[in-house]
Amino acid sequence: KGGKGGKGGKGKGDGINFSNECTKLAQSLASAHMLPGIVFCMSRKHCVLGAQAVSSLNLLGQDTEAVRTSRRMLKVMHRTHLQRFMPDLGNLEAYTQIMEMLEHGVAYHHSGMLPVLRE
């Protein structure tokens, strides 16, 4: 019989768990001291789910001076670029999620995000 063509990429696939794969990739990159890393995917949903999964790893590591410096830079960036949109921005679930992920060294970007959050 013929092949399985015509699926159009919309099938359930072979059971690969994208979030788990992102987590394994991030762990491998971290153990090989190859961070930062970037992952591209074609799905907005997978973009968010992968970032959420990886943020549980706390890629910034232990509370070192470098981590404290990164967090200070995040606060400066927030004051510089986002403070003017508060308090409206603070009420958005997407904003809260992104800020929590940034605390763990993870961010994401997709076309469905509010422009202010993409920046």
N, C-alpha and C. Protein backbone atom coordinates (compact mmCIF):
# COMPACT_ATOMS: atom_id res chain seq x y z
N LYS A 1 0.84 -1.19 0.00
CA LYS A 1 0.00 0.00 0.00
C LYS A 1 0.87 1.24 0.00
N GLY A 2 0.22 2.36 -0.33
CA GLY A 2 0.94 3.63 -0.41
C GLY A 2 1.33 4.17 0.95
N GLY A 3 2.05 5.30 0.91
CA GLY A 3 2.51 5.95 2.13
C GLY A 3 1.39 6.63 2.88
N LYS A 4 1.74 7.28 3.95
CA LYS A 4 0.76 7.94 4.82
C LYS A 4 0.61 9.41 4.51
N GLY A 5 0.95 9.85 3.33
CA GLY A 5 0.92 11.27 2.99
C GLY A 5 -0.41 11.93 3.24
N GLY A 6 -0.42 13.23 3.10
CA GLY A 6 -1.67 13.98 3.24
C GLY A 6 -2.02 14.39 4.64
N LYS A 7 -1.16 14.16 5.59
CA LYS A 7 -1.47 14.53 6.97
C LYS A 7 -1.35 16.04 7.20
N GLY A 8 -0.55 16.71 6.41
CA GLY A 8 -0.43 18.16 6.53
C GLY A 8 0.19 18.64 7.82
N GLY A 9 0.86 17.79 8.55
CA GLY A 9 1.52 18.22 9.78
C GLY A 9 0.57 18.48 10.92
N LYS A 10 -0.70 18.11 10.78
CA LYS A 10 -1.68 18.42 11.81
C LYS A 10 -2.00 17.21 12.68
N GLY A 11 -1.39 16.07 12.41
CA GLY A 11 -1.67 14.87 13.18
C GLY A 11 -1.08 14.96 14.58
N LYS A 12 -1.34 13.94 15.39
CA LYS A 12 -0.86 13.94 16.76
C LYS A 12 0.61 13.58 16.85
N GLY A 13 1.19 13.21 15.74
CA GLY A 13 2.62 12.92 15.74
C GLY A 13 2.93 11.59 16.41
N ASP A 14 4.16 11.44 16.83
CA ASP A 14 4.60 10.17 17.39
C ASP A 14 4.70 10.22 18.91
N GLY A 15 3.95 11.08 19.55
CA GLY A 15 3.91 11.11 20.99
C GLY A 15 5.04 11.89 21.64
N ILE A 16 5.74 12.70 20.91
CA ILE A 16 6.82 13.50 21.49
C ILE A 16 6.21 14.59 22.37
N ASN A 17 6.73 14.70 23.59
CA ASN A 17 6.29 15.73 24.52
C ASN A 17 7.24 16.92 24.38
N PHE A 18 6.76 17.99 23.76
CA PHE A 18 7.61 19.14 23.46
C PHE A 18 8.20 19.75 24.73
N SER A 19 7.40 19.88 25.78
CA SER A 19 7.89 20.46 27.03
C SER A 19 9.03 19.63 27.61
N ASN A 20 8.87 18.31 27.60
CA ASN A 20 9.94 17.44 28.11
C ASN A 20 11.20 17.55 27.25
N GLU A 21 11.02 17.63 25.95
CA GLU A 21 12.17 17.75 25.06
C GLU A 21 12.91 19.07 25.30
N CYS A 22 12.16 20.14 25.51
CA CYS A 22 12.79 21.44 25.81
C CYS A 22 13.57 21.37 27.12
N THR A 23 12.98 20.72 28.12
CA THR A 23 13.64 20.58 29.41
C THR A 23 14.93 19.78 29.27
N LYS A 24 14.86 18.66 28.56
CA LYS A 24 16.06 17.84 28.36
C LYS A 24 17.14 18.62 27.61
N LEU A 25 16.73 19.37 26.60
CA LEU A 25 17.69 20.17 25.83
C LEU A 25 18.35 21.21 26.73
N ALA A 26 17.55 21.91 27.53
CA ALA A 26 18.11 22.94 28.41
C ALA A 26 19.06 22.33 29.43
N GLN A 27 18.71 21.17 29.98
CA GLN A 27 19.60 20.50 30.93
C GLN A 27 20.91 20.11 30.27
N SER A 28 20.83 19.61 29.04
CA SER A 28 22.05 19.24 28.31
C SER A 28 22.92 20.45 28.04
N LEU A 29 22.30 21.54 27.60
CA LEU A 29 23.06 22.77 27.33
C LEU A 29 23.69 23.31 28.61
N ALA A 30 22.94 23.28 29.71
CA ALA A 30 23.46 23.78 30.98
C ALA A 30 24.63 22.93 31.45
N SER A 31 24.51 21.61 31.38
CA SER A 31 25.60 20.75 31.86
C SER A 31 26.84 20.87 30.98
N ALA A 32 26.66 21.24 29.72
CA ALA A 32 27.80 21.42 28.81
C ALA A 32 28.29 22.87 28.81
N HIS A 33 27.74 23.71 29.69
CA HIS A 33 28.09 25.13 29.79
C HIS A 33 27.92 25.83 28.44
N MET A 34 26.80 25.55 27.77
CA MET A 34 26.55 26.11 26.44
C MET A 34 25.37 27.09 26.44
N LEU A 35 24.97 27.56 27.60
CA LEU A 35 23.89 28.54 27.66
C LEU A 35 24.45 29.93 27.46
N PRO A 36 23.74 30.89 26.94
CA PRO A 36 22.31 30.84 26.62
C PRO A 36 22.03 30.07 25.34
N GLY A 37 20.79 29.64 25.23
CA GLY A 37 20.34 28.91 24.06
C GLY A 37 19.03 29.49 23.56
N ILE A 38 18.66 29.12 22.36
CA ILE A 38 17.41 29.59 21.77
C ILE A 38 16.76 28.42 21.04
N VAL A 39 15.45 28.31 21.18
CA VAL A 39 14.68 27.24 20.53
C VAL A 39 13.64 27.89 19.64
N PHE A 40 13.52 27.40 18.43
CA PHE A 40 12.50 27.87 17.50
C PHE A 40 11.45 26.79 17.35
N CYS A 41 10.20 27.19 17.34
CA CYS A 41 9.11 26.26 17.04
C CYS A 41 8.02 27.03 16.30
N MET A 42 7.18 26.31 15.62
CA MET A 42 6.17 26.95 14.78
C MET A 42 4.84 27.15 15.49
N SER A 43 4.73 26.75 16.73
CA SER A 43 3.47 26.81 17.46
C SER A 43 3.56 27.81 18.61
N ARG A 44 2.62 28.73 18.68
CA ARG A 44 2.59 29.67 19.81
C ARG A 44 2.42 28.91 21.12
N LYS A 45 1.52 27.93 21.10
CA LYS A 45 1.25 27.15 22.30
C LYS A 45 2.52 26.44 22.78
N HIS A 46 3.23 25.80 21.86
CA HIS A 46 4.45 25.11 22.25
C HIS A 46 5.53 26.10 22.69
N CYS A 47 5.54 27.26 22.13
CA CYS A 47 6.49 28.30 22.53
C CYS A 47 6.33 28.59 24.02
N VAL A 48 5.09 28.81 24.44
CA VAL A 48 4.81 29.12 25.85
C VAL A 48 5.05 27.90 26.73
N LEU A 49 4.54 26.75 26.31
CA LEU A 49 4.69 25.54 27.13
C LEU A 49 6.15 25.15 27.32
N GLY A 50 6.94 25.27 26.26
CA GLY A 50 8.36 24.97 26.38
C GLY A 50 9.07 25.91 27.33
N ALA A 51 8.76 27.19 27.22
CA ALA A 51 9.37 28.18 28.12
C ALA A 51 8.97 27.93 29.57
N GLN A 52 7.71 27.61 29.80
CA GLN A 52 7.25 27.33 31.16
C GLN A 52 7.98 26.12 31.74
N ALA A 53 8.14 25.09 30.93
CA ALA A 53 8.82 23.88 31.39
C ALA A 53 10.28 24.17 31.74
N VAL A 54 10.96 24.90 30.87
CA VAL A 54 12.37 25.19 31.09
C VAL A 54 12.57 26.13 32.28
N SER A 55 11.62 27.03 32.52
CA SER A 55 11.78 27.97 33.64
C SER A 55 11.79 27.25 34.99
N SER A 56 11.24 26.04 35.05
CA SER A 56 11.27 25.29 36.30
C SER A 56 12.69 24.85 36.66
N LEU A 57 13.60 24.91 35.71
CA LEU A 57 14.99 24.50 35.94
C LEU A 57 15.83 25.57 36.63
N ASN A 58 15.37 26.80 36.62
CA ASN A 58 16.14 27.92 37.17
C ASN A 58 17.54 27.96 36.56
N LEU A 59 17.59 28.29 35.29
CA LEU A 59 18.84 28.25 34.53
C LEU A 59 19.89 29.26 35.00
N LEU A 60 19.48 30.23 35.79
CA LEU A 60 20.47 31.19 36.29
C LEU A 60 21.36 30.57 37.36
N GLY A 61 20.94 29.46 37.91
CA GLY A 61 21.77 28.76 38.88
C GLY A 61 21.61 29.28 40.29
N GLN A 62 22.63 29.05 41.09
CA GLN A 62 22.61 29.43 42.49
C GLN A 62 22.64 30.95 42.65
N ASP A 63 22.37 31.39 43.84
CA ASP A 63 22.32 32.82 44.14
C ASP A 63 23.75 33.37 44.23
N THR A 64 24.34 33.61 43.08
CA THR A 64 25.70 34.14 43.01
C THR A 64 25.64 35.62 42.67
N GLU A 65 26.78 36.26 42.68
CA GLU A 65 26.83 37.68 42.32
C GLU A 65 26.35 37.88 40.88
N ALA A 66 26.68 36.96 39.99
CA ALA A 66 26.22 37.07 38.59
C ALA A 66 24.70 37.00 38.50
N VAL A 67 24.09 36.13 39.30
CA VAL A 67 22.63 36.02 39.31
C VAL A 67 22.01 37.29 39.87
N ARG A 68 22.58 37.80 40.95
CA ARG A 68 22.06 39.05 41.53
C ARG A 68 22.20 40.20 40.54
N THR A 69 23.31 40.24 39.80
CA THR A 69 23.49 41.27 38.78
C THR A 69 22.44 41.13 37.68
N SER A 70 22.17 39.91 37.24
CA SER A 70 21.14 39.69 36.22
C SER A 70 19.78 40.17 36.70
N ARG A 71 19.47 39.89 37.94
CA ARG A 71 18.16 40.31 38.48
C ARG A 71 18.09 41.83 38.62
N ARG A 72 19.20 42.46 39.00
CA ARG A 72 19.21 43.92 39.06
C ARG A 72 19.00 44.51 37.67
N MET A 73 19.64 43.92 36.67
CA MET A 73 19.48 44.41 35.29
C MET A 73 18.04 44.24 34.82
N LEU A 74 17.40 43.15 35.23
CA LEU A 74 15.99 42.93 34.89
C LEU A 74 15.12 44.02 35.49
N LYS A 75 15.39 44.39 36.73
CA LYS A 75 14.61 45.45 37.38
C LYS A 75 14.82 46.79 36.69
N VAL A 76 16.06 47.07 36.29
CA VAL A 76 16.34 48.32 35.57
C VAL A 76 15.61 48.33 34.24
N MET A 77 15.66 47.20 33.53
CA MET A 77 14.95 47.09 32.25
C MET A 77 13.45 47.31 32.46
N HIS A 78 12.91 46.75 33.51
CA HIS A 78 11.49 46.90 33.80
C HIS A 78 11.15 48.37 34.04
N ARG A 79 11.94 49.02 34.88
CA ARG A 79 11.68 50.44 35.15
C ARG A 79 11.79 51.28 33.88
N THR A 80 12.78 50.99 33.07
CA THR A 80 13.04 51.77 31.86
C THR A 80 11.96 51.60 30.81
N HIS A 81 11.52 50.36 30.59
CA HIS A 81 10.65 50.08 29.45
C HIS A 81 9.19 49.79 29.80
N LEU A 82 8.91 49.28 30.98
CA LEU A 82 7.56 48.81 31.26
C LEU A 82 6.82 49.58 32.34
N GLN A 83 7.53 50.30 33.18
CA GLN A 83 6.89 50.96 34.32
C GLN A 83 5.75 51.89 33.88
N ARG A 84 5.90 52.53 32.74
CA ARG A 84 4.88 53.48 32.29
C ARG A 84 3.56 52.79 31.95
N PHE A 85 3.57 51.47 31.76
CA PHE A 85 2.36 50.74 31.43
C PHE A 85 1.67 50.16 32.67
N MET A 86 2.26 50.35 33.82
CA MET A 86 1.67 49.85 35.05
C MET A 86 0.60 50.83 35.49
N PRO A 87 -0.46 50.49 36.19
CA PRO A 87 -0.75 49.15 36.72
C PRO A 87 -1.48 48.23 35.73
N ASP A 88 -1.89 48.75 34.57
CA ASP A 88 -2.64 47.92 33.62
C ASP A 88 -1.88 46.65 33.24
N LEU A 89 -0.61 46.78 32.99
CA LEU A 89 0.20 45.64 32.58
C LEU A 89 0.29 44.59 33.68
N GLY A 90 0.38 45.05 34.91
CA GLY A 90 0.50 44.12 36.04
C GLY A 90 -0.69 43.22 36.24
N ASN A 91 -1.83 43.58 35.66
CA ASN A 91 -3.03 42.76 35.78
C ASN A 91 -3.10 41.66 34.74
N LEU A 92 -2.20 41.64 33.79
CA LEU A 92 -2.22 40.64 32.73
C LEU A 92 -1.49 39.37 33.16
N GLU A 93 -2.13 38.23 32.96
CA GLU A 93 -1.51 36.95 33.31
C GLU A 93 -0.22 36.73 32.52
N ALA A 94 -0.22 37.10 31.25
CA ALA A 94 0.97 36.92 30.41
C ALA A 94 2.15 37.71 30.97
N TYR A 95 1.91 38.93 31.43
CA TYR A 95 2.97 39.75 32.01
C TYR A 95 3.55 39.07 33.25
N THR A 96 2.67 38.62 34.13
CA THR A 96 3.11 37.96 35.36
C THR A 96 3.94 36.73 35.05
N GLN A 97 3.48 35.91 34.09
CA GLN A 97 4.22 34.71 33.71
C GLN A 97 5.60 35.05 33.16
N ILE A 98 5.65 36.04 32.29
CA ILE A 98 6.93 36.41 31.67
C ILE A 98 7.91 36.91 32.73
N MET A 99 7.45 37.74 33.64
CA MET A 99 8.34 38.26 34.67
C MET A 99 8.86 37.14 35.56
N GLU A 100 8.01 36.16 35.88
CA GLU A 100 8.46 35.02 36.69
C GLU A 100 9.50 34.19 35.94
N MET A 101 9.26 33.98 34.64
CA MET A 101 10.22 33.22 33.84
C MET A 101 11.56 33.95 33.74
N LEU A 102 11.51 35.26 33.56
CA LEU A 102 12.75 36.03 33.48
C LEU A 102 13.58 35.89 34.75
N GLU A 103 12.91 35.78 35.89
CA GLU A 103 13.62 35.58 37.16
C GLU A 103 14.41 34.28 37.16
N HIS A 104 14.00 33.35 36.29
CA HIS A 104 14.68 32.05 36.19
C HIS A 104 15.54 31.93 34.94
N GLY A 105 15.71 33.04 34.22
CA GLY A 105 16.59 33.04 33.06
C GLY A 105 15.96 32.57 31.77
N VAL A 106 14.63 32.65 31.67
CA VAL A 106 13.92 32.15 30.50
C VAL A 106 12.99 33.23 29.96
N ALA A 107 12.91 33.33 28.65
CA ALA A 107 11.96 34.25 28.00
C ALA A 107 11.44 33.59 26.73
N TYR A 108 10.35 34.11 26.22
CA TYR A 108 9.83 33.62 24.95
C TYR A 108 9.26 34.78 24.15
N HIS A 109 9.06 34.52 22.87
CA HIS A 109 8.56 35.55 21.96
C HIS A 109 7.75 34.86 20.87
N HIS A 110 6.54 35.33 20.64
CA HIS A 110 5.76 34.85 19.49
C HIS A 110 4.86 35.96 18.99
N SER A 111 4.34 35.79 17.80
CA SER A 111 3.60 36.87 17.14
C SER A 111 2.28 37.22 17.80
N GLY A 112 1.76 36.36 18.67
CA GLY A 112 0.49 36.64 19.31
C GLY A 112 0.60 37.46 20.58
N MET A 113 1.81 37.82 20.97
CA MET A 113 2.01 38.58 22.20
C MET A 113 1.68 40.05 21.99
N LEU A 114 1.33 40.71 23.08
CA LEU A 114 1.17 42.16 23.02
C LEU A 114 2.52 42.77 22.65
N PRO A 115 2.54 43.77 21.80
CA PRO A 115 3.81 44.37 21.38
C PRO A 115 4.71 44.79 22.54
N VAL A 116 4.14 45.34 23.59
CA VAL A 116 4.95 45.80 24.72
C VAL A 116 5.64 44.61 25.40
N LEU A 117 5.01 43.45 25.41
CA LEU A 117 5.62 42.28 26.04
C LEU A 117 6.67 41.64 25.15
N ARG A 118 6.55 41.82 23.85
CA ARG A 118 7.55 41.27 22.93
C ARG A 118 8.87 41.99 23.07
N GLU A 119 8.83 43.23 23.44
CA GLU A 119 10.05 44.02 23.56
C GLU A 119 10.75 43.69 24.84
